[in-house]
Amino acid sequence: MLNSRKVAYFSKENPLTPLGQRIVKNGQEAGKAAILRHKAMGNPIYYVKEGVLIKELTDGTRYAVKVTKTGIHHLYKL
């Protein structure tokens, strides 16, 4: 039988360890670097903000978009 244990989430009472803080920081920096490389190659990025799917072009222009079986459709410019 497998042992089970409760997962403790980090909070003020259970702060992230210094190693955990470095892991989070490195992950954030790697994500930012990947986004910059992707945009430098001329590709748009997509992300969700407040429940809306956003397409951001390399020049910073942003559109709310909808994805369907027929493709990606611009709903409106942000």
C-alpha atoms as a PDB file:
ATOM      1  CA  MET A   1       0.000   0.000   0.000  1.00  0.00           C
ATOM      2  CA  LEU A   2       1.254   3.464  -0.889  1.00  0.00           C
ATOM      3  CA  ASN A   3       1.683   6.060   1.795  1.00  0.00           C
ATOM      4  CA  SER A   4      -0.219   9.257   1.312  1.00  0.00           C
ATOM      5  CA  ARG A   5       0.650  12.609   2.725  1.00  0.00           C
ATOM      6  CA  LYS A   6      -0.977  15.987   2.735  1.00  0.00           C
ATOM      7  CA  VAL A   7       0.462  18.584   0.360  1.00  0.00           C
ATOM      8  CA  ALA A   8       1.287  21.824   2.161  1.00  0.00           C
ATOM      9  CA  TYR A   9       1.009  24.914   0.004  1.00  0.00           C
ATOM     10  CA  PHE A  10       3.312  27.824   0.590  1.00  0.00           C
ATOM     11  CA  SER A  11       2.028  30.731   2.629  1.00  0.00           C
ATOM     12  CA  LYS A  12       3.246  33.165   5.267  1.00  0.00           C
ATOM     13  CA  GLU A  13       3.177  30.280   7.737  1.00  0.00           C
ATOM     14  CA  ASN A  14       4.991  27.938   5.300  1.00  0.00           C
ATOM     15  CA  PRO A  15       7.296  30.160   3.216  1.00  0.00           C
ATOM     16  CA  LEU A  16       9.197  28.986   0.188  1.00  0.00           C
ATOM     17  CA  THR A  17      12.744  27.875   1.018  1.00  0.00           C
ATOM     18  CA  PRO A  18      15.717  29.764  -0.482  1.00  0.00           C
ATOM     19  CA  LEU A  19      16.177  26.901  -2.946  1.00  0.00           C
ATOM     20  CA  GLY A  20      12.503  27.093  -3.884  1.00  0.00           C
ATOM     21  CA  GLN A  21      12.820  30.857  -4.357  1.00  0.00           C
ATOM     22  CA  ARG A  22      15.787  30.354  -6.716  1.00  0.00           C
ATOM     23  CA  ILE A  23      13.863  27.724  -8.681  1.00  0.00           C
ATOM     24  CA  VAL A  24      10.887  30.064  -9.099  1.00  0.00           C
ATOM     25  CA  LYS A  25      13.144  32.988 -10.114  1.00  0.00           C
ATOM     26  CA  ASN A  26      15.058  30.855 -12.632  1.00  0.00           C
ATOM     27  CA  GLY A  27      11.807  29.558 -14.096  1.00  0.00           C
ATOM     28  CA  GLN A  28      10.434  33.069 -14.500  1.00  0.00           C
ATOM     29  CA  GLU A  29      13.658  34.273 -16.148  1.00  0.00           C
ATOM     30  CA  ALA A  30      13.687  31.275 -18.512  1.00  0.00           C
ATOM     31  CA  GLY A  31      10.067  31.947 -19.477  1.00  0.00           C
ATOM     32  CA  LYS A  32      10.786  35.615 -20.206  1.00  0.00           C
ATOM     33  CA  ALA A  33      13.850  34.698 -22.290  1.00  0.00           C
ATOM     34  CA  ALA A  34      11.827  32.152 -24.292  1.00  0.00           C
ATOM     35  CA  ILE A  35       9.130  34.744 -25.001  1.00  0.00           C
ATOM     36  CA  LEU A  36      11.736  37.276 -26.184  1.00  0.00           C
ATOM     37  CA  ARG A  37      13.382  34.684 -28.482  1.00  0.00           C
ATOM     38  CA  HIS A  38      10.000  33.641 -29.876  1.00  0.00           C
ATOM     39  CA  LYS A  39       9.027  37.245 -30.622  1.00  0.00           C
ATOM     40  CA  ALA A  40      12.492  37.982 -32.084  1.00  0.00           C
ATOM     41  CA  MET A  41      11.837  35.236 -34.644  1.00  0.00           C
ATOM     42  CA  GLY A  42       8.713  37.144 -35.738  1.00  0.00           C
ATOM     43  CA  ASN A  43       6.183  34.923 -33.982  1.00  0.00           C
ATOM     44  CA  PRO A  44       3.223  36.194 -31.963  1.00  0.00           C
ATOM     45  CA  ILE A  45       2.670  35.042 -28.395  1.00  0.00           C
ATOM     46  CA  TYR A  46      -0.637  33.948 -26.889  1.00  0.00           C
ATOM     47  CA  TYR A  47      -1.728  34.177 -23.267  1.00  0.00           C
ATOM     48  CA  VAL A  48      -4.876  34.387 -21.180  1.00  0.00           C
ATOM     49  CA  LYS A  49      -5.636  37.509 -19.160  1.00  0.00           C
ATOM     50  CA  GLU A  50      -8.825  37.816 -17.108  1.00  0.00           C
ATOM     51  CA  GLY A  51     -10.313  34.879 -18.995  1.00  0.00           C
ATOM     52  CA  VAL A  52      -9.643  36.358 -22.466  1.00  0.00           C
ATOM     53  CA  LEU A  53      -7.244  34.739 -24.948  1.00  0.00           C
ATOM     54  CA  ILE A  54      -4.806  37.411 -26.164  1.00  0.00           C
ATOM     55  CA  LYS A  55      -2.610  37.364 -29.276  1.00  0.00           C
ATOM     56  CA  GLU A  56       0.349  39.768 -29.029  1.00  0.00           C
ATOM     57  CA  LEU A  57       2.286  40.574 -32.173  1.00  0.00           C
ATOM     58  CA  THR A  58       5.998  41.357 -32.236  1.00  0.00           C
ATOM     59  CA  ASP A  59       5.271  45.108 -32.413  1.00  0.00           C
ATOM     60  CA  GLY A  60       3.189  44.922 -29.221  1.00  0.00           C
ATOM     61  CA  THR A  61      -0.211  45.092 -30.934  1.00  0.00           C
ATOM     62  CA  ARG A  62      -2.679  42.923 -29.022  1.00  0.00           C
ATOM     63  CA  TYR A  63      -5.946  41.296 -30.093  1.00  0.00           C
ATOM     64  CA  ALA A  64      -8.575  39.344 -28.226  1.00  0.00           C
ATOM     65  CA  VAL A  65      -8.940  36.124 -30.211  1.00  0.00           C
ATOM     66  CA  LYS A  66     -11.146  33.075 -30.439  1.00  0.00           C
ATOM     67  CA  VAL A  67      -9.928  29.657 -31.576  1.00  0.00           C
ATOM     68  CA  THR A  68     -12.312  27.491 -33.603  1.00  0.00           C
ATOM     69  CA  LYS A  69     -11.979  24.471 -35.870  1.00  0.00           C
ATOM     70  CA  THR A  70     -11.468  26.846 -38.798  1.00  0.00           C
ATOM     71  CA  GLY A  71      -8.626  28.802 -37.194  1.00  0.00           C
ATOM     72  CA  ILE A  72      -7.828  31.783 -34.997  1.00  0.00           C
ATOM     73  CA  HIS A  73     -10.188  34.725 -35.314  1.00  0.00           C
ATOM     74  CA  HIS A  74      -9.487  38.267 -34.134  1.00  0.00           C
ATOM     75  CA  LEU A  75     -12.414  39.535 -32.082  1.00  0.00           C
ATOM     76  CA  TYR A  76     -11.199  43.051 -31.327  1.00  0.00           C
ATOM     77  CA  LYS A  77      -8.019  45.068 -30.917  1.00  0.00           C
ATOM     78  CA  LEU A  78      -6.936  45.867 -27.361  1.00  0.00           C
END
